[in-house]
Amino acid sequence: MSPLEQVLVAARKLSLAGKPPSLALIKASLGNSLPMPILVQGLQRFKAMSADEQAAIVVTSTAPAASVPTDDTTPTLAQLTEQVARLTANQEILIERISDLEAKLNGKDAH
């Protein structure tokens, strides 16, 4: 398989996994074995293909595996709960800051 074909297969695997192919994802899935110009050329070619042409790319088990998140990298419920709590706290802080700024602004307008 040519280097360009490797890039096309990696892009197709990412696409099948529901991820839009990008240079970073393709490079991560293939490692540093291919030069950047080949990666760029392959990604450009893949994006220029019709859906039928993309579907014709044969994804074989001999091709390098794409770096697709597995169950090992899926966040747990506890991690997601913690993240929501942090985001909620940050949101409350920002709302308070906005309210303070609005109060100061309205106070200046009153004078």
PDB file of N, CA and C in Angstrom:
ATOM      1  N   MET A   1       0.847  -1.173   0.000  1.00  0.00           N
ATOM      2  CA  MET A   1       0.000   0.000   0.000  1.00  0.00           C
ATOM      3  C   MET A   1       0.894   1.238   0.000  1.00  0.00           C
ATOM      4  N   SER A   2       0.601   2.150  -0.902  1.00  0.00           N
ATOM      5  CA  SER A   2       1.408   3.367  -1.011  1.00  0.00           C
ATOM      6  C   SER A   2       1.125   4.284   0.183  1.00  0.00           C
ATOM      7  N   PRO A   3       2.044   5.204   0.448  1.00  0.00           N
ATOM      8  CA  PRO A   3       1.814   6.144   1.556  1.00  0.00           C
ATOM      9  C   PRO A   3       0.517   6.946   1.382  1.00  0.00           C
ATOM     10  N   LEU A   4       0.227   7.335   0.157  1.00  0.00           N
ATOM     11  CA  LEU A   4      -0.993   8.091  -0.101  1.00  0.00           C
ATOM     12  C   LEU A   4      -2.227   7.240   0.198  1.00  0.00           C
ATOM     13  N   GLU A   5      -2.172   5.981  -0.178  1.00  0.00           N
ATOM     14  CA  GLU A   5      -3.289   5.078   0.117  1.00  0.00           C
ATOM     15  C   GLU A   5      -3.454   4.898   1.617  1.00  0.00           C
ATOM     16  N   GLN A   6      -2.346   4.868   2.346  1.00  0.00           N
ATOM     17  CA  GLN A   6      -2.423   4.756   3.799  1.00  0.00           C
ATOM     18  C   GLN A   6      -3.167   5.947   4.399  1.00  0.00           C
ATOM     19  N   VAL A   7      -2.886   7.128   3.873  1.00  0.00           N
ATOM     20  CA  VAL A   7      -3.550   8.333   4.355  1.00  0.00           C
ATOM     21  C   VAL A   7      -5.042   8.269   4.029  1.00  0.00           C
ATOM     22  N   LEU A   8      -5.369   7.840   2.820  1.00  0.00           N
ATOM     23  CA  LEU A   8      -6.776   7.741   2.427  1.00  0.00           C
ATOM     24  C   LEU A   8      -7.531   6.744   3.304  1.00  0.00           C
ATOM     25  N   VAL A   9      -6.904   5.602   3.594  1.00  0.00           N
ATOM     26  CA  VAL A   9      -7.537   4.599   4.442  1.00  0.00           C
ATOM     27  C   VAL A   9      -7.718   5.140   5.863  1.00  0.00           C
ATOM     28  N   ALA A  10      -6.716   5.824   6.375  1.00  0.00           N
ATOM     29  CA  ALA A  10      -6.824   6.403   7.717  1.00  0.00           C
ATOM     30  C   ALA A  10      -7.947   7.435   7.768  1.00  0.00           C
ATOM     31  N   ALA A  11      -8.054   8.262   6.724  1.00  0.00           N
ATOM     32  CA  ALA A  11      -9.121   9.262   6.661  1.00  0.00           C
ATOM     33  C   ALA A  11     -10.482   8.586   6.587  1.00  0.00           C
ATOM     34  N   ARG A  12     -10.568   7.516   5.825  1.00  0.00           N
ATOM     35  CA  ARG A  12     -11.834   6.772   5.705  1.00  0.00           C
ATOM     36  C   ARG A  12     -12.222   6.151   7.045  1.00  0.00           C
ATOM     37  N   LYS A  13     -11.249   5.587   7.758  1.00  0.00           N
ATOM     38  CA  LYS A  13     -11.539   4.991   9.069  1.00  0.00           C
ATOM     39  C   LYS A  13     -12.062   6.048  10.035  1.00  0.00           C
ATOM     40  N   LEU A  14     -11.438   7.213  10.035  1.00  0.00           N
ATOM     41  CA  LEU A  14     -11.902   8.290  10.901  1.00  0.00           C
ATOM     42  C   LEU A  14     -13.313   8.711  10.530  1.00  0.00           C
ATOM     43  N   SER A  15     -13.561   8.821   9.235  1.00  0.00           N
ATOM     44  CA  SER A  15     -14.876   9.201   8.750  1.00  0.00           C
ATOM     45  C   SER A  15     -15.928   8.182   9.178  1.00  0.00           C
ATOM     46  N   LEU A  16     -15.598   6.908   9.061  1.00  0.00           N
ATOM     47  CA  LEU A  16     -16.523   5.845   9.469  1.00  0.00           C
ATOM     48  C   LEU A  16     -16.785   5.882  10.970  1.00  0.00           C
ATOM     49  N   ALA A  17     -15.807   6.349  11.722  1.00  0.00           N
ATOM     50  CA  ALA A  17     -15.956   6.445  13.174  1.00  0.00           C
ATOM     51  C   ALA A  17     -16.708   7.712  13.580  1.00  0.00           C
ATOM     52  N   GLY A  18     -17.138   8.495  12.593  1.00  0.00           N
ATOM     53  CA  GLY A  18     -17.893   9.707  12.882  1.00  0.00           C
ATOM     54  C   GLY A  18     -17.031  10.910  13.196  1.00  0.00           C
ATOM     55  N   LYS A  19     -15.753  10.822  12.907  1.00  0.00           N
ATOM     56  CA  LYS A  19     -14.839  11.933  13.157  1.00  0.00           C
ATOM     57  C   LYS A  19     -14.430  12.547  11.818  1.00  0.00           C
ATOM     58  N   PRO A  20     -14.525  13.861  11.697  1.00  0.00           N
ATOM     59  CA  PRO A  20     -14.050  14.481  10.464  1.00  0.00           C
ATOM     60  C   PRO A  20     -12.532  14.339  10.375  1.00  0.00           C
ATOM     61  N   PRO A  21     -12.030  13.780   9.292  1.00  0.00           N
ATOM     62  CA  PRO A  21     -10.588  13.591   9.161  1.00  0.00           C
ATOM     63  C   PRO A  21      -9.848  14.930   9.203  1.00  0.00           C
ATOM     64  N   SER A  22      -8.771  14.959   9.953  1.00  0.00           N
ATOM     65  CA  SER A  22      -7.929  16.154  10.034  1.00  0.00           C
ATOM     66  C   SER A  22      -6.477  15.696  10.006  1.00  0.00           C
ATOM     67  N   LEU A  23      -5.576  16.628   9.744  1.00  0.00           N
ATOM     68  CA  LEU A  23      -4.155  16.283   9.714  1.00  0.00           C
ATOM     69  C   LEU A  23      -3.710  15.693  11.052  1.00  0.00           C
ATOM     70  N   ALA A  24      -4.157  16.301  12.128  1.00  0.00           N
ATOM     71  CA  ALA A  24      -3.733  15.830  13.450  1.00  0.00           C
ATOM     72  C   ALA A  24      -4.208  14.403  13.708  1.00  0.00           C
ATOM     73  N   LEU A  25      -5.480  14.123  13.397  1.00  0.00           N
ATOM     74  CA  LEU A  25      -6.001  12.777  13.643  1.00  0.00           C
ATOM     75  C   LEU A  25      -5.340  11.737  12.744  1.00  0.00           C
ATOM     76  N   ILE A  26      -5.125  12.113  11.488  1.00  0.00           N
ATOM     77  CA  ILE A  26      -4.486  11.169  10.560  1.00  0.00           C
ATOM     78  C   ILE A  26      -3.047  10.910  10.994  1.00  0.00           C
ATOM     79  N   LYS A  27      -2.333  11.976  11.355  1.00  0.00           N
ATOM     80  CA  LYS A  27      -0.937  11.809  11.790  1.00  0.00           C
ATOM     81  C   LYS A  27      -0.872  10.947  13.051  1.00  0.00           C
ATOM     82  N   ALA A  28      -1.811  11.146  13.960  1.00  0.00           N
ATOM     83  CA  ALA A  28      -1.837  10.347  15.188  1.00  0.00           C
ATOM     84  C   ALA A  28      -2.119   8.878  14.882  1.00  0.00           C
ATOM     85  N   SER A  29      -2.973   8.639  13.909  1.00  0.00           N
ATOM     86  CA  SER A  29      -3.323   7.252  13.608  1.00  0.00           C
ATOM     87  C   SER A  29      -2.222   6.535  12.835  1.00  0.00           C
ATOM     88  N   LEU A  30      -1.442   7.271  12.065  1.00  0.00           N
ATOM     89  CA  LEU A  30      -0.384   6.650  11.266  1.00  0.00           C
ATOM     90  C   LEU A  30       0.986   6.759  11.927  1.00  0.00           C
ATOM     91  N   GLY A  31       1.085   7.571  12.942  1.00  0.00           N
ATOM     92  CA  GLY A  31       2.389   7.779  13.568  1.00  0.00           C
ATOM     93  C   GLY A  31       3.192   8.781  12.755  1.00  0.00           C
ATOM     94  N   ASN A  32       4.463   8.870  13.030  1.00  0.00           N
ATOM     95  CA  ASN A  32       5.331   9.823  12.337  1.00  0.00           C
ATOM     96  C   ASN A  32       6.031   9.197  11.143  1.00  0.00           C
ATOM     97  N   SER A  33       5.450   8.129  10.610  1.00  0.00           N
ATOM     98  CA  SER A  33       6.128   7.400   9.537  1.00  0.00           C
ATOM     99  C   SER A  33       6.038   8.098   8.180  1.00  0.00           C
ATOM    100  N   LEU A  34       5.063   8.994   8.021  1.00  0.00           N
ATOM    101  CA  LEU A  34       4.875   9.641   6.721  1.00  0.00           C
ATOM    102  C   LEU A  34       5.197  11.127   6.801  1.00  0.00           C
ATOM    103  N   PRO A  35       5.800  11.669   5.742  1.00  0.00           N
ATOM    104  CA  PRO A  35       6.104  13.099   5.729  1.00  0.00           C
ATOM    105  C   PRO A  35       4.825  13.939   5.628  1.00  0.00           C
ATOM    106  N   MET A  36       4.876  15.125   6.190  1.00  0.00           N
ATOM    107  CA  MET A  36       3.718  16.017   6.222  1.00  0.00           C
ATOM    108  C   MET A  36       3.146  16.298   4.828  1.00  0.00           C
ATOM    109  N   PRO A  37       3.963  16.520   3.789  1.00  0.00           N
ATOM    110  CA  PRO A  37       3.376  16.788   2.473  1.00  0.00           C
ATOM    111  C   PRO A  37       2.475  15.641   1.979  1.00  0.00           C
ATOM    112  N   ILE A  38       2.836  14.405   2.291  1.00  0.00           N
ATOM    113  CA  ILE A  38       2.009  13.255   1.891  1.00  0.00           C
ATOM    114  C   ILE A  38       0.692  13.277   2.663  1.00  0.00           C
ATOM    115  N   LEU A  39       0.766  13.598   3.962  1.00  0.00           N
ATOM    116  CA  LEU A  39      -0.445  13.678   4.768  1.00  0.00           C
ATOM    117  C   LEU A  39      -1.389  14.752   4.231  1.00  0.00           C
ATOM    118  N   VAL A  40      -0.830  15.907   3.922  1.00  0.00           N
ATOM    119  CA  VAL A  40      -1.637  17.015   3.394  1.00  0.00           C
ATOM    120  C   VAL A  40      -2.253  16.619   2.057  1.00  0.00           C
ATOM    121  N   GLN A  41      -1.452  16.052   1.162  1.00  0.00           N
ATOM    122  CA  GLN A  41      -1.947  15.659  -0.155  1.00  0.00           C
ATOM    123  C   GLN A  41      -3.059  14.616  -0.018  1.00  0.00           C
ATOM    124  N   GLY A  42      -2.863  13.646   0.860  1.00  0.00           N
ATOM    125  CA  GLY A  42      -3.872  12.603   1.041  1.00  0.00           C
ATOM    126  C   GLY A  42      -5.167  13.146   1.608  1.00  0.00           C
ATOM    127  N   LEU A  43      -5.068  14.035   2.589  1.00  0.00           N
ATOM    128  CA  LEU A  43      -6.273  14.621   3.173  1.00  0.00           C
ATOM    129  C   LEU A  43      -7.010  15.475   2.148  1.00  0.00           C
ATOM    130  N   GLN A  44      -6.273  16.255   1.367  1.00  0.00           N
ATOM    131  CA  GLN A  44      -6.903  17.071   0.332  1.00  0.00           C
ATOM    132  C   GLN A  44      -7.611  16.191  -0.692  1.00  0.00           C
ATOM    133  N   ARG A  45      -6.957  15.105  -1.072  1.00  0.00           N
ATOM    134  CA  ARG A  45      -7.560  14.195  -2.044  1.00  0.00           C
ATOM    135  C   ARG A  45      -8.831  13.564  -1.460  1.00  0.00           C
ATOM    136  N   PHE A  46      -8.771  13.153  -0.197  1.00  0.00           N
ATOM    137  CA  PHE A  46      -9.923  12.532   0.444  1.00  0.00           C
ATOM    138  C   PHE A  46     -11.101  13.504   0.489  1.00  0.00           C
ATOM    139  N   LYS A  47     -10.826  14.748   0.872  1.00  0.00           N
ATOM    140  CA  LYS A  47     -11.901  15.743   0.975  1.00  0.00           C
ATOM    141  C   LYS A  47     -12.493  16.089  -0.388  1.00  0.00           C
ATOM    142  N   ALA A  48     -11.693  15.934  -1.456  1.00  0.00           N
ATOM    143  CA  ALA A  48     -12.170  16.244  -2.797  1.00  0.00           C
ATOM    144  C   ALA A  48     -13.002  15.110  -3.391  1.00  0.00           C
ATOM    145  N   MET A  49     -12.946  13.939  -2.774  1.00  0.00           N
ATOM    146  CA  MET A  49     -13.668  12.773  -3.300  1.00  0.00           C
ATOM    147  C   MET A  49     -15.166  12.892  -3.033  1.00  0.00           C
ATOM    148  N   SER A  50     -15.939  12.289  -3.930  1.00  0.00           N
ATOM    149  CA  SER A  50     -17.376  12.198  -3.695  1.00  0.00           C
ATOM    150  C   SER A  50     -17.623  11.144  -2.621  1.00  0.00           C
ATOM    151  N   ALA A  51     -18.838  11.099  -2.103  1.00  0.00           N
ATOM    152  CA  ALA A  51     -19.177  10.108  -1.079  1.00  0.00           C
ATOM    153  C   ALA A  51     -19.004   8.694  -1.621  1.00  0.00           C
ATOM    154  N   ASP A  52     -19.332   8.480  -2.904  1.00  0.00           N
ATOM    155  CA  ASP A  52     -19.176   7.161  -3.510  1.00  0.00           C
ATOM    156  C   ASP A  52     -17.697   6.770  -3.602  1.00  0.00           C
ATOM    157  N   GLU A  53     -16.854   7.729  -3.977  1.00  0.00           N
ATOM    158  CA  GLU A  53     -15.423   7.445  -4.062  1.00  0.00           C
ATOM    159  C   GLU A  53     -14.850   7.134  -2.679  1.00  0.00           C
ATOM    160  N   GLN A  54     -15.311   7.883  -1.675  1.00  0.00           N
ATOM    161  CA  GLN A  54     -14.848   7.619  -0.315  1.00  0.00           C
ATOM    162  C   GLN A  54     -15.300   6.234   0.138  1.00  0.00           C
ATOM    163  N   ALA A  55     -16.519   5.869  -0.205  1.00  0.00           N
ATOM    164  CA  ALA A  55     -17.044   4.558   0.191  1.00  0.00           C
ATOM    165  C   ALA A  55     -16.284   3.429  -0.491  1.00  0.00           C
ATOM    166  N   ALA A  56     -15.671   3.707  -1.640  1.00  0.00           N
ATOM    167  CA  ALA A  56     -14.938   2.680  -2.377  1.00  0.00           C
ATOM    168  C   ALA A  56     -13.569   2.394  -1.761  1.00  0.00           C
ATOM    169  N   ILE A  57     -13.126   3.224  -0.840  1.00  0.00           N
ATOM    170  CA  ILE A  57     -11.835   2.990  -0.188  1.00  0.00           C
ATOM    171  C   ILE A  57     -11.984   1.764   0.695  1.00  0.00           C
ATOM    172  N   VAL A  58     -11.156   0.782   0.442  1.00  0.00           N
ATOM    173  CA  VAL A  58     -11.230  -0.472   1.181  1.00  0.00           C
ATOM    174  C   VAL A  58     -10.434  -0.338   2.469  1.00  0.00           C
ATOM    175  N   VAL A  59     -11.122  -0.528   3.571  1.00  0.00           N
ATOM    176  CA  VAL A  59     -10.485  -0.470   4.873  1.00  0.00           C
ATOM    177  C   VAL A  59     -10.189  -1.899   5.282  1.00  0.00           C
ATOM    178  N   THR A  60      -8.893  -2.235   5.266  1.00  0.00           N
ATOM    179  CA  THR A  60      -8.499  -3.604   5.592  1.00  0.00           C
ATOM    180  C   THR A  60      -7.845  -3.656   6.954  1.00  0.00           C
ATOM    181  N   SER A  61      -7.746  -4.841   7.490  1.00  0.00           N
ATOM    182  CA  SER A  61      -7.121  -4.998   8.803  1.00  0.00           C
ATOM    183  C   SER A  61      -5.613  -4.815   8.732  1.00  0.00           C
ATOM    184  N   THR A  62      -5.030  -4.870   7.523  1.00  0.00           N
ATOM    185  CA  THR A  62      -3.587  -4.690   7.388  1.00  0.00           C
ATOM    186  C   THR A  62      -3.190  -3.220   7.394  1.00  0.00           C
ATOM    187  N   ALA A  63      -4.174  -2.349   7.197  1.00  0.00           N
ATOM    188  CA  ALA A  63      -3.881  -0.919   7.209  1.00  0.00           C
ATOM    189  C   ALA A  63      -3.680  -0.470   8.647  1.00  0.00           C
ATOM    190  N   PRO A  64      -2.880   0.561   8.865  1.00  0.00           N
ATOM    191  CA  PRO A  64      -2.682   1.057  10.227  1.00  0.00           C
ATOM    192  C   PRO A  64      -4.019   1.458  10.847  1.00  0.00           C
ATOM    193  N   ALA A  65      -4.183   1.134  12.092  1.00  0.00           N
ATOM    194  CA  ALA A  65      -5.438   1.426  12.777  1.00  0.00           C
ATOM    195  C   ALA A  65      -5.534   2.912  13.078  1.00  0.00           C
ATOM    196  N   ALA A  66      -6.708   3.442  12.882  1.00  0.00           N
ATOM    197  CA  ALA A  66      -6.940   4.841  13.191  1.00  0.00           C
ATOM    198  C   ALA A  66      -7.073   5.005  14.697  1.00  0.00           C
ATOM    199  N   SER A  67      -6.650   6.152  15.163  1.00  0.00           N
ATOM    200  CA  SER A  67      -6.739   6.424  16.591  1.00  0.00           C
ATOM    201  C   SER A  67      -8.137   6.919  16.901  1.00  0.00           C
ATOM    202  N   VAL A  68      -8.999   5.993  17.269  1.00  0.00           N
ATOM    203  CA  VAL A  68     -10.384   6.306  17.568  1.00  0.00           C
ATOM    204  C   VAL A  68     -10.599   6.000  19.042  1.00  0.00           C
ATOM    205  N   PRO A  69     -11.253   6.900  19.762  1.00  0.00           N
ATOM    206  CA  PRO A  69     -11.456   6.648  21.181  1.00  0.00           C
ATOM    207  C   PRO A  69     -12.171   5.324  21.413  1.00  0.00           C
ATOM    208  N   THR A  70     -11.697   4.598  22.396  1.00  0.00           N
ATOM    209  CA  THR A  70     -12.314   3.338  22.768  1.00  0.00           C
ATOM    210  C   THR A  70     -12.990   3.513  24.112  1.00  0.00           C
ATOM    211  N   ASP A  71     -13.536   2.437  24.622  1.00  0.00           N
ATOM    212  CA  ASP A  71     -14.186   2.502  25.921  1.00  0.00           C
ATOM    213  C   ASP A  71     -13.213   2.947  27.005  1.00  0.00           C
ATOM    214  N   ASP A  72     -11.905   2.679  26.809  1.00  0.00           N
ATOM    215  CA  ASP A  72     -10.902   3.067  27.790  1.00  0.00           C
ATOM    216  C   ASP A  72     -10.787   4.582  27.918  1.00  0.00           C
ATOM    217  N   THR A  73     -11.060   5.307  26.840  1.00  0.00           N
ATOM    218  CA  THR A  73     -10.912   6.756  26.871  1.00  0.00           C
ATOM    219  C   THR A  73     -12.252   7.472  27.025  1.00  0.00           C
ATOM    220  N   THR A  74     -13.343   6.725  27.107  1.00  0.00           N
ATOM    221  CA  THR A  74     -14.649   7.328  27.294  1.00  0.00           C
ATOM    222  C   THR A  74     -14.770   7.797  28.743  1.00  0.00           C
ATOM    223  N   PRO A  75     -15.166   9.055  28.947  1.00  0.00           N
ATOM    224  CA  PRO A  75     -15.261   9.554  30.320  1.00  0.00           C
ATOM    225  C   PRO A  75     -16.314   8.774  31.116  1.00  0.00           C
ATOM    226  N   THR A  76     -16.044   8.603  32.392  1.00  0.00           N
ATOM    227  CA  THR A  76     -16.993   7.920  33.255  1.00  0.00           C
ATOM    228  C   THR A  76     -18.066   8.898  33.704  1.00  0.00           C
ATOM    229  N   LEU A  77     -19.125   8.358  34.272  1.00  0.00           N
ATOM    230  CA  LEU A  77     -20.207   9.205  34.772  1.00  0.00           C
ATOM    231  C   LEU A  77     -19.691  10.139  35.857  1.00  0.00           C
ATOM    232  N   ALA A  78     -18.820   9.621  36.722  1.00  0.00           N
ATOM    233  CA  ALA A  78     -18.264  10.451  37.794  1.00  0.00           C
ATOM    234  C   ALA A  78     -17.448  11.603  37.220  1.00  0.00           C
ATOM    235  N   GLN A  79     -16.656  11.329  36.163  1.00  0.00           N
ATOM    236  CA  GLN A  79     -15.855  12.389  35.540  1.00  0.00           C
ATOM    237  C   GLN A  79     -16.753  13.435  34.889  1.00  0.00           C
ATOM    238  N   LEU A  80     -17.799  12.978  34.240  1.00  0.00           N
ATOM    239  CA  LEU A  80     -18.717  13.919  33.595  1.00  0.00           C
ATOM    240  C   LEU A  80     -19.468  14.752  34.634  1.00  0.00           C
ATOM    241  N   THR A  81     -19.860  14.112  35.740  1.00  0.00           N
ATOM    242  CA  THR A  81     -20.538  14.827  36.814  1.00  0.00           C
ATOM    243  C   THR A  81     -19.631  15.904  37.398  1.00  0.00           C
ATOM    244  N   GLU A  82     -18.367  15.555  37.604  1.00  0.00           N
ATOM    245  CA  GLU A  82     -17.397  16.522  38.120  1.00  0.00           C
ATOM    246  C   GLU A  82     -17.204  17.676  37.137  1.00  0.00           C
ATOM    247  N   GLN A  83     -17.130  17.349  35.851  1.00  0.00           N
ATOM    248  CA  GLN A  83     -16.948  18.387  34.840  1.00  0.00           C
ATOM    249  C   GLN A  83     -18.149  19.327  34.811  1.00  0.00           C
ATOM    250  N   VAL A  84     -19.357  18.786  34.910  1.00  0.00           N
ATOM    251  CA  VAL A  84     -20.563  19.621  34.924  1.00  0.00           C
ATOM    252  C   VAL A  84     -20.555  20.525  36.151  1.00  0.00           C
ATOM    253  N   ALA A  85     -20.141  19.987  37.294  1.00  0.00           N
ATOM    254  CA  ALA A  85     -20.085  20.794  38.515  1.00  0.00           C
ATOM    255  C   ALA A  85     -19.101  21.945  38.350  1.00  0.00           C
ATOM    256  N   ARG A  86     -17.913  21.671  37.760  1.00  0.00           N
ATOM    257  CA  ARG A  86     -16.920  22.735  37.540  1.00  0.00           C
ATOM    258  C   ARG A  86     -17.461  23.786  36.576  1.00  0.00           C
ATOM    259  N   LEU A  87     -18.093  23.335  35.509  1.00  0.00           N
ATOM    260  CA  LEU A  87     -18.625  24.278  34.523  1.00  0.00           C
ATOM    261  C   LEU A  87     -19.745  25.127  35.124  1.00  0.00           C
ATOM    262  N   THR A  88     -20.577  24.507  35.942  1.00  0.00           N
ATOM    263  CA  THR A  88     -21.656  25.247  36.594  1.00  0.00           C
ATOM    264  C   THR A  88     -21.090  26.296  37.540  1.00  0.00           C
ATOM    265  N   ALA A  89     -20.066  25.921  38.305  1.00  0.00           N
ATOM    266  CA  ALA A  89     -19.431  26.874  39.218  1.00  0.00           C
ATOM    267  C   ALA A  89     -18.815  28.033  38.434  1.00  0.00           C
ATOM    268  N   ASN A  90     -18.136  27.730  37.338  1.00  0.00           N
ATOM    269  CA  ASN A  90     -17.554  28.786  36.501  1.00  0.00           C
ATOM    270  C   ASN A  90     -18.634  29.691  35.931  1.00  0.00           C
ATOM    271  N   GLN A  91     -19.740  29.102  35.525  1.00  0.00           N
ATOM    272  CA  GLN A  91     -20.842  29.887  34.966  1.00  0.00           C
ATOM    273  C   GLN A  91     -21.392  30.842  36.028  1.00  0.00           C
ATOM    274  N   GLU A  92     -21.558  30.347  37.256  1.00  0.00           N
ATOM    275  CA  GLU A  92     -22.081  31.195  38.329  1.00  0.00           C
ATOM    276  C   GLU A  92     -21.136  32.355  38.618  1.00  0.00           C
ATOM    277  N   ILE A  93     -19.833  32.083  38.603  1.00  0.00           N
ATOM    278  CA  ILE A  93     -18.842  33.139  38.825  1.00  0.00           C
ATOM    279  C   ILE A  93     -18.933  34.186  37.715  1.00  0.00           C
ATOM    280  N   LEU A  94     -19.047  33.718  36.470  1.00  0.00           N
ATOM    281  CA  LEU A  94     -19.136  34.656  35.339  1.00  0.00           C
ATOM    282  C   LEU A  94     -20.420  35.478  35.400  1.00  0.00           C
ATOM    283  N   ILE A  95     -21.512  34.856  35.771  1.00  0.00           N
ATOM    284  CA  ILE A  95     -22.782  35.590  35.889  1.00  0.00           C
ATOM    285  C   ILE A  95     -22.667  36.664  36.962  1.00  0.00           C
ATOM    286  N   GLU A  96     -22.012  36.324  38.073  1.00  0.00           N
ATOM    287  CA  GLU A  96     -21.821  37.292  39.152  1.00  0.00           C
ATOM    288  C   GLU A  96     -20.943  38.460  38.684  1.00  0.00           C
ATOM    289  N   ARG A  97     -19.870  38.135  37.950  1.00  0.00           N
ATOM    290  CA  ARG A  97     -18.998  39.192  37.444  1.00  0.00           C
ATOM    291  C   ARG A  97     -19.734  40.098  36.460  1.00  0.00           C
ATOM    292  N   ILE A  98     -20.546  39.498  35.611  1.00  0.00           N
ATOM    293  CA  ILE A  98     -21.316  40.297  34.652  1.00  0.00           C
ATOM    294  C   ILE A  98     -22.284  41.209  35.394  1.00  0.00           C
ATOM    295  N   SER A  99     -22.951  40.666  36.415  1.00  0.00           N
ATOM    296  CA  SER A  99     -23.888  41.478  37.200  1.00  0.00           C
ATOM    297  C   SER A  99     -23.165  42.642  37.863  1.00  0.00           C
ATOM    298  N   ASP A 100     -21.974  42.373  38.435  1.00  0.00           N
ATOM    299  CA  ASP A 100     -21.188  43.438  39.059  1.00  0.00           C
ATOM    300  C   ASP A 100     -20.805  44.511  38.045  1.00  0.00           C
ATOM    301  N   LEU A 101     -20.365  44.088  36.879  1.00  0.00           N
ATOM    302  CA  LEU A 101     -19.975  45.045  35.845  1.00  0.00           C
ATOM    303  C   LEU A 101     -21.169  45.867  35.367  1.00  0.00           C
ATOM    304  N   GLU A 102     -22.309  45.198  35.210  1.00  0.00           N
ATOM    305  CA  GLU A 102     -23.514  45.925  34.806  1.00  0.00           C
ATOM    306  C   GLU A 102     -23.920  46.940  35.865  1.00  0.00           C
ATOM    307  N   ALA A 103     -23.807  46.545  37.137  1.00  0.00           N
ATOM    308  CA  ALA A 103     -24.158  47.464  38.232  1.00  0.00           C
ATOM    309  C   ALA A 103     -23.240  48.671  38.222  1.00  0.00           C
ATOM    310  N   LYS A 104     -21.942  48.435  38.029  1.00  0.00           N
ATOM    311  CA  LYS A 104     -20.995  49.549  37.968  1.00  0.00           C
ATOM    312  C   LYS A 104     -21.290  50.453  36.782  1.00  0.00           C
ATOM    313  N   LEU A 105     -21.598  49.843  35.663  1.00  0.00           N
ATOM    314  CA  LEU A 105     -21.900  50.613  34.460  1.00  0.00           C
ATOM    315  C   LEU A 105     -23.162  51.435  34.661  1.00  0.00           C
ATOM    316  N   ASN A 106     -24.181  50.836  35.224  1.00  0.00           N
ATOM    317  CA  ASN A 106     -25.435  51.560  35.471  1.00  0.00           C
ATOM    318  C   ASN A 106     -25.244  52.632  36.536  1.00  0.00           C
ATOM    319  N   GLY A 107     -24.360  52.390  37.487  1.00  0.00           N
ATOM    320  CA  GLY A 107     -24.060  53.393  38.510  1.00  0.00           C
ATOM    321  C   GLY A 107     -23.393  54.607  37.908  1.00  0.00           C
ATOM    322  N   LYS A 108     -22.520  54.392  36.921  1.00  0.00           N
ATOM    323  CA  LYS A 108     -21.846  55.518  36.255  1.00  0.00           C
ATOM    324  C   LYS A 108     -22.830  56.314  35.411  1.00  0.00           C
ATOM    325  N   ASP A 109     -23.798  55.615  34.808  1.00  0.00           N
ATOM    326  CA  ASP A 109     -24.785  56.293  33.963  1.00  0.00           C
ATOM    327  C   ASP A 109     -25.694  57.175  34.811  1.00  0.00           C
ATOM    328  N   ALA A 110     -25.913  56.801  36.062  1.00  0.00           N
ATOM    329  CA  ALA A 110     -26.811  57.564  36.926  1.00  0.00           C
ATOM    330  C   ALA A 110     -26.214  58.901  37.331  1.00  0.00           C
ATOM    331  N   HIS A 111     -24.898  59.018  37.331  1.00  0.00           N
ATOM    332  CA  HIS A 111     -24.255  60.274  37.755  1.00  0.00           C
ATOM    333  C   HIS A 111     -24.170  61.260  36.669  1.00  0.00           C
TER     334      HIS A 111
END
